[in-house]
Amino acid sequence: MSKSDSIVLQKSIISRLLCVKMTLRDVIYISYALPARTLQPLVPNVLRLATVEGDIAFISLVVLRSTRVRLSAFPLLKFNYNQFNIRTYVIDPVSGRFAVYFIRSGVTSRLMSMVTSTVGIPWQFVELTTDLNITNGSLSFLVYGNWEGPFSLRTQANANVSPVPSFFDDRKSAVDFIIRPLIGFAGDDRRFSRFTIHHPEVQPQSWSLLELDCPLFQKLVTIEDFRRPHSIFYLPTADFSIFLPPKRIKKEG
């Protein structure tokens, strides 16, 4: 075995041992379509926004419950936390594939916030409560908490929403773009990290927005009417893995 092969094997073993696995539950993706020039200032200079129809980029609010979170090296140690992230979609400069860039991320676990910040994924500690209800036979999802100010959002199942969101040829293309990027970035121009993700193919439900009040999000981006998102996907459950440690990318020059 050559020295380079040995290094690759060692990295592969470390990646498997440090793989964080979890089951996502009650995931809401609230996405807005905007001119790329509006979102480009929110991402590091080295990243290029992923666009459709030439100049349309997307920003999403994503809320989820992370359950059965465990490290491959210690599979019996499991815990749960809630997460709220604000993200956009970029082109990975390494592979040329679609990727997700986490503009801001918050978790309800102080331990996870500390660990991820240590390895270069800056997730803040936030207060976040989720509540899934059935009212008159219809599912609704209420989220509220505090992340640099009080926030709340409420969504509900809606069978009348078009199954194919605008700007996409089919539903699968929209789902793959918004939900299934397998490469992630976090950080800023001074220091940011690249990591890989495993996420199975999914078939989310289409929902509608009833209420949104998130001062942090509204401070980051100007949208004429936050009550009219491009799309809302609801995913009841899915398995998810993040392969650590992330690769730290330093600013050149």
C-alpha atoms as a PDB file:
ATOM      1  CA  MET A   1       0.000   0.000   0.000  1.00  0.00           C
ATOM      2  CA  SER A   2       1.384   3.389  -0.982  1.00  0.00           C
ATOM      3  CA  LYS A   3       1.656   6.286   1.472  1.00  0.00           C
ATOM      4  CA  SER A   4      -1.137   8.180  -0.319  1.00  0.00           C
ATOM      5  CA  ASP A   5      -3.419   5.102  -0.213  1.00  0.00           C
ATOM      6  CA  SER A   6      -2.708   4.753   3.502  1.00  0.00           C
ATOM      7  CA  ILE A   7      -3.678   8.392   4.139  1.00  0.00           C
ATOM      8  CA  VAL A   8      -6.940   7.973   2.189  1.00  0.00           C
ATOM      9  CA  LEU A   9      -7.754   4.803   4.170  1.00  0.00           C
ATOM     10  CA  GLN A  10      -7.083   6.566   7.484  1.00  0.00           C
ATOM     11  CA  LYS A  11      -9.316   9.486   6.480  1.00  0.00           C
ATOM     12  CA  SER A  12     -12.054   7.046   5.448  1.00  0.00           C
ATOM     13  CA  ILE A  13     -11.907   5.259   8.809  1.00  0.00           C
ATOM     14  CA  ILE A  14     -11.970   8.556  10.732  1.00  0.00           C
ATOM     15  CA  SER A  15     -14.922   9.796   8.628  1.00  0.00           C
ATOM     16  CA  ARG A  16     -16.902   6.641   9.384  1.00  0.00           C
ATOM     17  CA  LEU A  17     -16.162   6.824  13.098  1.00  0.00           C
ATOM     18  CA  LEU A  18     -17.086  10.515  13.259  1.00  0.00           C
ATOM     19  CA  CYS A  19     -20.254  10.172  11.185  1.00  0.00           C
ATOM     20  CA  VAL A  20     -23.182  11.751  13.031  1.00  0.00           C
ATOM     21  CA  LYS A  21     -26.417   9.889  12.316  1.00  0.00           C
ATOM     22  CA  MET A  22     -29.944  10.932  13.215  1.00  0.00           C
ATOM     23  CA  THR A  23     -33.586  10.578  12.317  1.00  0.00           C
ATOM     24  CA  LEU A  24     -35.180  13.859  11.266  1.00  0.00           C
ATOM     25  CA  ARG A  25     -38.824  14.375  12.180  1.00  0.00           C
ATOM     26  CA  ASP A  26     -41.380  17.065  11.357  1.00  0.00           C
ATOM     27  CA  VAL A  27     -39.165  19.011   8.977  1.00  0.00           C
ATOM     28  CA  ILE A  28     -40.567  22.212   7.454  1.00  0.00           C
ATOM     29  CA  TYR A  29     -38.853  23.917   4.492  1.00  0.00           C
ATOM     30  CA  ILE A  30     -40.187  27.425   3.790  1.00  0.00           C
ATOM     31  CA  SER A  31     -38.482  28.744   0.648  1.00  0.00           C
ATOM     32  CA  TYR A  32     -38.453  32.071  -1.170  1.00  0.00           C
ATOM     33  CA  ALA A  33     -37.313  32.729  -4.750  1.00  0.00           C
ATOM     34  CA  LEU A  34     -35.334  35.955  -5.177  1.00  0.00           C
ATOM     35  CA  PRO A  35     -32.943  37.582  -7.654  1.00  0.00           C
ATOM     36  CA  ALA A  36     -29.475  36.154  -7.101  1.00  0.00           C
ATOM     37  CA  ARG A  37     -28.010  39.630  -6.478  1.00  0.00           C
ATOM     38  CA  THR A  38     -30.191  39.863  -3.339  1.00  0.00           C
ATOM     39  CA  LEU A  39     -28.682  36.744  -1.774  1.00  0.00           C
ATOM     40  CA  GLN A  40     -25.090  36.819  -3.033  1.00  0.00           C
ATOM     41  CA  PRO A  41     -23.895  39.144  -0.208  1.00  0.00           C
ATOM     42  CA  LEU A  42     -24.981  36.484   2.316  1.00  0.00           C
ATOM     43  CA  VAL A  43     -22.494  33.847   1.118  1.00  0.00           C
ATOM     44  CA  PRO A  44     -18.667  33.738   1.170  1.00  0.00           C
ATOM     45  CA  ASN A  45     -16.956  35.189  -1.891  1.00  0.00           C
ATOM     46  CA  VAL A  46     -15.619  31.811  -3.013  1.00  0.00           C
ATOM     47  CA  LEU A  47     -19.133  30.391  -3.404  1.00  0.00           C
ATOM     48  CA  ARG A  48     -21.450  30.963  -6.348  1.00  0.00           C
ATOM     49  CA  LEU A  49     -25.199  30.794  -5.881  1.00  0.00           C
ATOM     50  CA  ALA A  50     -27.109  27.967  -7.550  1.00  0.00           C
ATOM     51  CA  THR A  51     -29.767  29.533  -9.769  1.00  0.00           C
ATOM     52  CA  VAL A  52     -32.657  28.553 -12.010  1.00  0.00           C
ATOM     53  CA  GLU A  53     -33.787  30.431 -15.089  1.00  0.00           C
ATOM     54  CA  GLY A  54     -30.500  32.300 -15.047  1.00  0.00           C
ATOM     55  CA  ASP A  55     -30.984  34.663 -12.125  1.00  0.00           C
ATOM     56  CA  ILE A  56     -33.353  33.107  -9.556  1.00  0.00           C
ATOM     57  CA  ALA A  57     -31.832  31.905  -6.286  1.00  0.00           C
ATOM     58  CA  PHE A  58     -33.517  30.565  -3.150  1.00  0.00           C
ATOM     59  CA  ILE A  59     -33.383  31.108   0.584  1.00  0.00           C
ATOM     60  CA  SER A  60     -35.102  28.767   3.027  1.00  0.00           C
ATOM     61  CA  LEU A  61     -36.156  28.650   6.645  1.00  0.00           C
ATOM     62  CA  VAL A  62     -35.871  25.065   7.881  1.00  0.00           C
ATOM     63  CA  VAL A  63     -37.197  23.809  11.207  1.00  0.00           C
ATOM     64  CA  LEU A  64     -36.816  20.223  12.352  1.00  0.00           C
ATOM     65  CA  ARG A  65     -36.561  17.812  15.239  1.00  0.00           C
ATOM     66  CA  SER A  66     -33.319  15.827  15.291  1.00  0.00           C
ATOM     67  CA  THR A  67     -33.952  12.538  17.102  1.00  0.00           C
ATOM     68  CA  ARG A  68     -31.749   9.551  17.969  1.00  0.00           C
ATOM     69  CA  VAL A  69     -28.657  11.643  17.297  1.00  0.00           C
ATOM     70  CA  ARG A  70     -25.559   9.474  17.746  1.00  0.00           C
ATOM     71  CA  LEU A  71     -21.925   9.251  16.743  1.00  0.00           C
ATOM     72  CA  SER A  72     -20.934   6.111  14.823  1.00  0.00           C
ATOM     73  CA  ALA A  73     -18.088   5.530  17.278  1.00  0.00           C
ATOM     74  CA  PHE A  74     -20.554   5.558  20.220  1.00  0.00           C
ATOM     75  CA  PRO A  75     -23.875   4.242  18.810  1.00  0.00           C
ATOM     76  CA  LEU A  76     -25.504   3.637  22.211  1.00  0.00           C
ATOM     77  CA  LEU A  77     -25.239   7.287  23.269  1.00  0.00           C
ATOM     78  CA  LYS A  78     -28.258   9.072  21.790  1.00  0.00           C
ATOM     79  CA  PHE A  79     -29.960  12.417  22.331  1.00  0.00           C
ATOM     80  CA  ASN A  80     -32.487  14.753  20.717  1.00  0.00           C
ATOM     81  CA  TYR A  81     -32.620  18.441  19.901  1.00  0.00           C
ATOM     82  CA  ASN A  82     -34.545  20.900  17.725  1.00  0.00           C
ATOM     83  CA  GLN A  83     -32.925  22.927  14.966  1.00  0.00           C
ATOM     84  CA  PHE A  84     -33.754  26.084  13.029  1.00  0.00           C
ATOM     85  CA  ASN A  85     -31.586  27.149  10.115  1.00  0.00           C
ATOM     86  CA  ILE A  86     -31.594  29.818   7.440  1.00  0.00           C
ATOM     87  CA  ARG A  87     -29.931  28.541   4.283  1.00  0.00           C
ATOM     88  CA  THR A  88     -29.368  29.170   0.623  1.00  0.00           C
ATOM     89  CA  TYR A  89     -28.158  27.019  -2.258  1.00  0.00           C
ATOM     90  CA  VAL A  90     -24.772  27.210  -3.953  1.00  0.00           C
ATOM     91  CA  ILE A  91     -22.497  25.418  -6.401  1.00  0.00           C
ATOM     92  CA  ASP A  92     -19.787  23.326  -4.758  1.00  0.00           C
ATOM     93  CA  PRO A  93     -16.483  24.590  -6.252  1.00  0.00           C
ATOM     94  CA  VAL A  94     -14.930  21.134  -5.759  1.00  0.00           C
ATOM     95  CA  SER A  95     -17.486  18.898  -7.496  1.00  0.00           C
ATOM     96  CA  GLY A  96     -19.692  21.370  -9.373  1.00  0.00           C
ATOM     97  CA  ARG A  97     -22.776  19.876  -7.707  1.00  0.00           C
ATOM     98  CA  PHE A  98     -25.606  21.648  -5.908  1.00  0.00           C
ATOM     99  CA  ALA A  99     -24.790  22.331  -2.255  1.00  0.00           C
ATOM    100  CA  VAL A 100     -26.382  24.077   0.707  1.00  0.00           C
ATOM    101  CA  TYR A 101     -24.850  27.032   2.537  1.00  0.00           C
ATOM    102  CA  PHE A 102     -26.017  27.565   6.112  1.00  0.00           C
ATOM    103  CA  ILE A 103     -26.345  31.312   6.600  1.00  0.00           C
ATOM    104  CA  ARG A 104     -27.369  30.951  10.248  1.00  0.00           C
ATOM    105  CA  SER A 105     -28.142  27.853  12.304  1.00  0.00           C
ATOM    106  CA  GLY A 106     -29.497  27.401  15.807  1.00  0.00           C
ATOM    107  CA  VAL A 107     -29.984  24.302  17.955  1.00  0.00           C
ATOM    108  CA  THR A 108     -31.611  23.683  21.327  1.00  0.00           C
ATOM    109  CA  SER A 109     -28.651  21.612  22.588  1.00  0.00           C
ATOM    110  CA  ARG A 110     -25.870  23.562  24.285  1.00  0.00           C
ATOM    111  CA  LEU A 111     -23.605  20.536  23.865  1.00  0.00           C
ATOM    112  CA  MET A 112     -24.229  20.323  20.107  1.00  0.00           C
ATOM    113  CA  SER A 113     -23.702  24.074  19.764  1.00  0.00           C
ATOM    114  CA  MET A 114     -20.348  23.787  21.522  1.00  0.00           C
ATOM    115  CA  VAL A 115     -19.193  20.702  19.588  1.00  0.00           C
ATOM    116  CA  THR A 116     -20.158  21.990  16.141  1.00  0.00           C
ATOM    117  CA  SER A 117     -18.558  25.388  16.778  1.00  0.00           C
ATOM    118  CA  THR A 118     -15.347  23.597  17.772  1.00  0.00           C
ATOM    119  CA  VAL A 119     -15.152  21.711  14.449  1.00  0.00           C
ATOM    120  CA  GLY A 120     -16.012  24.772  12.349  1.00  0.00           C
ATOM    121  CA  ILE A 121     -19.810  24.594  12.016  1.00  0.00           C
ATOM    122  CA  PRO A 122     -21.109  27.626  13.964  1.00  0.00           C
ATOM    123  CA  TRP A 123     -24.506  26.556  15.340  1.00  0.00           C
ATOM    124  CA  GLN A 124     -25.858  28.885  18.014  1.00  0.00           C
ATOM    125  CA  PHE A 125     -27.869  27.825  21.035  1.00  0.00           C
ATOM    126  CA  VAL A 126     -31.518  28.904  20.586  1.00  0.00           C
ATOM    127  CA  GLU A 127     -34.848  28.417  22.305  1.00  0.00           C
ATOM    128  CA  LEU A 128     -37.212  26.525  20.012  1.00  0.00           C
ATOM    129  CA  THR A 129     -40.456  24.612  20.573  1.00  0.00           C
ATOM    130  CA  THR A 130     -42.418  22.696  17.944  1.00  0.00           C
ATOM    131  CA  ASP A 131     -46.022  21.560  18.186  1.00  0.00           C
ATOM    132  CA  LEU A 132     -47.719  19.316  15.604  1.00  0.00           C
ATOM    133  CA  ASN A 133     -51.531  19.317  15.844  1.00  0.00           C
ATOM    134  CA  ILE A 134     -54.558  17.873  14.092  1.00  0.00           C
ATOM    135  CA  THR A 135     -57.448  20.349  13.859  1.00  0.00           C
ATOM    136  CA  ASN A 136     -60.629  19.452  12.000  1.00  0.00           C
ATOM    137  CA  GLY A 137     -58.793  16.574  10.365  1.00  0.00           C
ATOM    138  CA  SER A 138     -55.967  18.797   9.084  1.00  0.00           C
ATOM    139  CA  LEU A 139     -52.356  18.770  10.243  1.00  0.00           C
ATOM    140  CA  SER A 140     -50.812  22.036  11.382  1.00  0.00           C
ATOM    141  CA  PHE A 141     -47.369  22.825  12.724  1.00  0.00           C
ATOM    142  CA  LEU A 142     -46.586  25.604  15.200  1.00  0.00           C
ATOM    143  CA  VAL A 143     -43.022  26.748  15.903  1.00  0.00           C
ATOM    144  CA  TYR A 144     -42.014  29.423  18.403  1.00  0.00           C
ATOM    145  CA  GLY A 145     -39.006  30.461  20.436  1.00  0.00           C
ATOM    146  CA  ASN A 146     -36.248  33.028  20.726  1.00  0.00           C
ATOM    147  CA  TRP A 147     -33.310  33.530  18.369  1.00  0.00           C
ATOM    148  CA  GLU A 148     -31.990  37.061  18.626  1.00  0.00           C
ATOM    149  CA  GLY A 149     -35.600  38.003  19.342  1.00  0.00           C
ATOM    150  CA  PRO A 150     -38.923  36.153  19.612  1.00  0.00           C
ATOM    151  CA  PHE A 151     -40.066  34.259  16.517  1.00  0.00           C
ATOM    152  CA  SER A 152     -43.051  32.165  15.526  1.00  0.00           C
ATOM    153  CA  LEU A 153     -44.373  30.423  12.437  1.00  0.00           C
ATOM    154  CA  ARG A 154     -47.427  28.330  11.709  1.00  0.00           C
ATOM    155  CA  THR A 155     -48.051  26.109   8.699  1.00  0.00           C
ATOM    156  CA  GLN A 156     -50.651  23.567   7.679  1.00  0.00           C
ATOM    157  CA  ALA A 157     -51.203  20.765   5.211  1.00  0.00           C
ATOM    158  CA  ASN A 158     -52.800  21.965   1.977  1.00  0.00           C
ATOM    159  CA  ALA A 159     -53.876  19.538  -0.747  1.00  0.00           C
ATOM    160  CA  ASN A 160     -54.674  22.456  -3.078  1.00  0.00           C
ATOM    161  CA  VAL A 161     -51.063  23.612  -3.433  1.00  0.00           C
ATOM    162  CA  SER A 162     -49.595  22.961  -6.870  1.00  0.00           C
ATOM    163  CA  PRO A 163     -47.438  19.801  -6.701  1.00  0.00           C
ATOM    164  CA  VAL A 164     -44.809  21.366  -9.000  1.00  0.00           C
ATOM    165  CA  PRO A 165     -43.406  24.657  -7.651  1.00  0.00           C
ATOM    166  CA  SER A 166     -42.667  27.415 -10.153  1.00  0.00           C
ATOM    167  CA  PHE A 167     -39.225  27.570 -11.848  1.00  0.00           C
ATOM    168  CA  PHE A 168     -38.909  23.750 -11.883  1.00  0.00           C
ATOM    169  CA  ASP A 169     -39.873  21.273 -14.607  1.00  0.00           C
ATOM    170  CA  ASP A 170     -41.099  18.636 -12.168  1.00  0.00           C
ATOM    171  CA  ARG A 171     -41.562  18.036  -8.466  1.00  0.00           C
ATOM    172  CA  LYS A 172     -38.487  15.805  -8.100  1.00  0.00           C
ATOM    173  CA  SER A 173     -36.225  18.569  -9.426  1.00  0.00           C
ATOM    174  CA  ALA A 174     -37.611  21.007  -6.856  1.00  0.00           C
ATOM    175  CA  VAL A 175     -37.275  18.501  -4.002  1.00  0.00           C
ATOM    176  CA  ASP A 176     -33.706  17.568  -4.952  1.00  0.00           C
ATOM    177  CA  PHE A 177     -32.713  21.235  -5.180  1.00  0.00           C
ATOM    178  CA  ILE A 178     -34.288  22.385  -1.899  1.00  0.00           C
ATOM    179  CA  ILE A 179     -34.133  19.271   0.294  1.00  0.00           C
ATOM    180  CA  ARG A 180     -31.394  16.962  -0.970  1.00  0.00           C
ATOM    181  CA  PRO A 181     -28.076  18.766  -1.522  1.00  0.00           C
ATOM    182  CA  LEU A 182     -25.414  16.283  -0.339  1.00  0.00           C
ATOM    183  CA  ILE A 183     -22.712  18.869   0.342  1.00  0.00           C
ATOM    184  CA  GLY A 184     -22.889  21.567   2.984  1.00  0.00           C
ATOM    185  CA  PHE A 185     -20.969  24.735   3.813  1.00  0.00           C
ATOM    186  CA  ALA A 186     -20.929  26.838   6.979  1.00  0.00           C
ATOM    187  CA  GLY A 187     -18.900  29.810   8.169  1.00  0.00           C
ATOM    188  CA  ASP A 188     -17.837  33.080   6.556  1.00  0.00           C
ATOM    189  CA  ASP A 189     -15.055  34.566   4.412  1.00  0.00           C
ATOM    190  CA  ARG A 190     -12.573  34.399   7.280  1.00  0.00           C
ATOM    191  CA  ARG A 191     -13.101  30.703   7.915  1.00  0.00           C
ATOM    192  CA  PHE A 192     -15.652  28.299   6.607  1.00  0.00           C
ATOM    193  CA  SER A 193     -16.040  24.561   6.289  1.00  0.00           C
ATOM    194  CA  ARG A 194     -17.218  21.993   3.764  1.00  0.00           C
ATOM    195  CA  PHE A 195     -18.850  18.725   4.812  1.00  0.00           C
ATOM    196  CA  THR A 196     -20.687  15.877   3.119  1.00  0.00           C
ATOM    197  CA  ILE A 197     -24.190  14.627   3.862  1.00  0.00           C
ATOM    198  CA  HIS A 198     -26.158  11.464   3.265  1.00  0.00           C
ATOM    199  CA  HIS A 199     -29.883  12.009   2.736  1.00  0.00           C
ATOM    200  CA  PRO A 200     -32.211   9.474   1.069  1.00  0.00           C
ATOM    201  CA  GLU A 201     -34.675  10.383  -1.644  1.00  0.00           C
ATOM    202  CA  VAL A 202     -37.860  11.719  -0.063  1.00  0.00           C
ATOM    203  CA  GLN A 203     -41.400  12.603  -1.041  1.00  0.00           C
ATOM    204  CA  PRO A 204     -42.464  15.562   1.088  1.00  0.00           C
ATOM    205  CA  GLN A 205     -45.958  16.979   1.371  1.00  0.00           C
ATOM    206  CA  SER A 206     -46.884  20.452   0.107  1.00  0.00           C
ATOM    207  CA  TRP A 207     -48.069  22.786   2.853  1.00  0.00           C
ATOM    208  CA  SER A 208     -49.095  26.432   3.143  1.00  0.00           C
ATOM    209  CA  LEU A 209     -48.017  29.253   5.444  1.00  0.00           C
ATOM    210  CA  LEU A 210     -50.443  30.724   7.964  1.00  0.00           C
ATOM    211  CA  GLU A 211     -48.124  32.932  10.001  1.00  0.00           C
ATOM    212  CA  LEU A 212     -44.469  33.978  10.034  1.00  0.00           C
ATOM    213  CA  ASP A 213     -42.706  36.373  12.381  1.00  0.00           C
ATOM    214  CA  CYS A 214     -38.927  35.957  12.452  1.00  0.00           C
ATOM    215  CA  PRO A 215     -37.045  39.241  12.989  1.00  0.00           C
ATOM    216  CA  LEU A 216     -33.637  37.620  12.367  1.00  0.00           C
ATOM    217  CA  PHE A 217     -34.722  36.344   8.940  1.00  0.00           C
ATOM    218  CA  GLN A 218     -36.418  39.616   8.077  1.00  0.00           C
ATOM    219  CA  LYS A 219     -33.229  41.467   9.013  1.00  0.00           C
ATOM    220  CA  LEU A 220     -31.119  39.330   6.665  1.00  0.00           C
ATOM    221  CA  VAL A 221     -33.183  39.649   3.503  1.00  0.00           C
ATOM    222  CA  THR A 222     -35.816  41.992   2.069  1.00  0.00           C
ATOM    223  CA  ILE A 223     -38.951  40.239   0.803  1.00  0.00           C
ATOM    224  CA  GLU A 224     -42.080  42.134  -0.212  1.00  0.00           C
ATOM    225  CA  ASP A 225     -44.476  39.642   1.374  1.00  0.00           C
ATOM    226  CA  PHE A 226     -43.127  36.992   3.736  1.00  0.00           C
ATOM    227  CA  ARG A 227     -46.590  35.395   3.752  1.00  0.00           C
ATOM    228  CA  ARG A 228     -46.164  34.299   0.108  1.00  0.00           C
ATOM    229  CA  PRO A 229     -43.235  31.854  -0.082  1.00  0.00           C
ATOM    230  CA  HIS A 230     -42.227  30.049  -3.255  1.00  0.00           C
ATOM    231  CA  SER A 231     -42.916  26.664  -1.652  1.00  0.00           C
ATOM    232  CA  ILE A 232     -43.385  24.872   1.649  1.00  0.00           C
ATOM    233  CA  PHE A 233     -42.409  21.226   2.015  1.00  0.00           C
ATOM    234  CA  TYR A 234     -43.224  19.110   5.054  1.00  0.00           C
ATOM    235  CA  LEU A 235     -41.272  15.928   5.658  1.00  0.00           C
ATOM    236  CA  PRO A 236     -42.603  13.633   8.429  1.00  0.00           C
ATOM    237  CA  THR A 237     -39.390  11.643   8.846  1.00  0.00           C
ATOM    238  CA  ALA A 238     -36.079  10.806   7.150  1.00  0.00           C
ATOM    239  CA  ASP A 239     -32.705   9.360   8.107  1.00  0.00           C
ATOM    240  CA  PHE A 240     -29.801  11.772   7.854  1.00  0.00           C
ATOM    241  CA  SER A 241     -26.016  11.610   8.285  1.00  0.00           C
ATOM    242  CA  ILE A 242     -23.238  14.204   8.440  1.00  0.00           C
ATOM    243  CA  PHE A 243     -19.657  13.083   7.857  1.00  0.00           C
ATOM    244  CA  LEU A 244     -17.135  14.794  10.100  1.00  0.00           C
ATOM    245  CA  PRO A 245     -14.693  16.359  10.515  1.00  0.00           C
ATOM    246  CA  PRO A 246     -15.520  19.038   7.968  1.00  0.00           C
ATOM    247  CA  LYS A 247     -12.788  20.328   5.701  1.00  0.00           C
ATOM    248  CA  ARG A 248     -11.795  23.818   6.722  1.00  0.00           C
ATOM    249  CA  ILE A 249     -11.383  26.162   3.774  1.00  0.00           C
ATOM    250  CA  LYS A 250      -9.171  29.182   4.350  1.00  0.00           C
ATOM    251  CA  LYS A 251      -9.476  32.432   2.482  1.00  0.00           C
ATOM    252  CA  GLU A 252      -6.722  32.812  -0.069  1.00  0.00           C
ATOM    253  CA  GLY A 253      -4.378  35.778   0.050  1.00  0.00           C
END
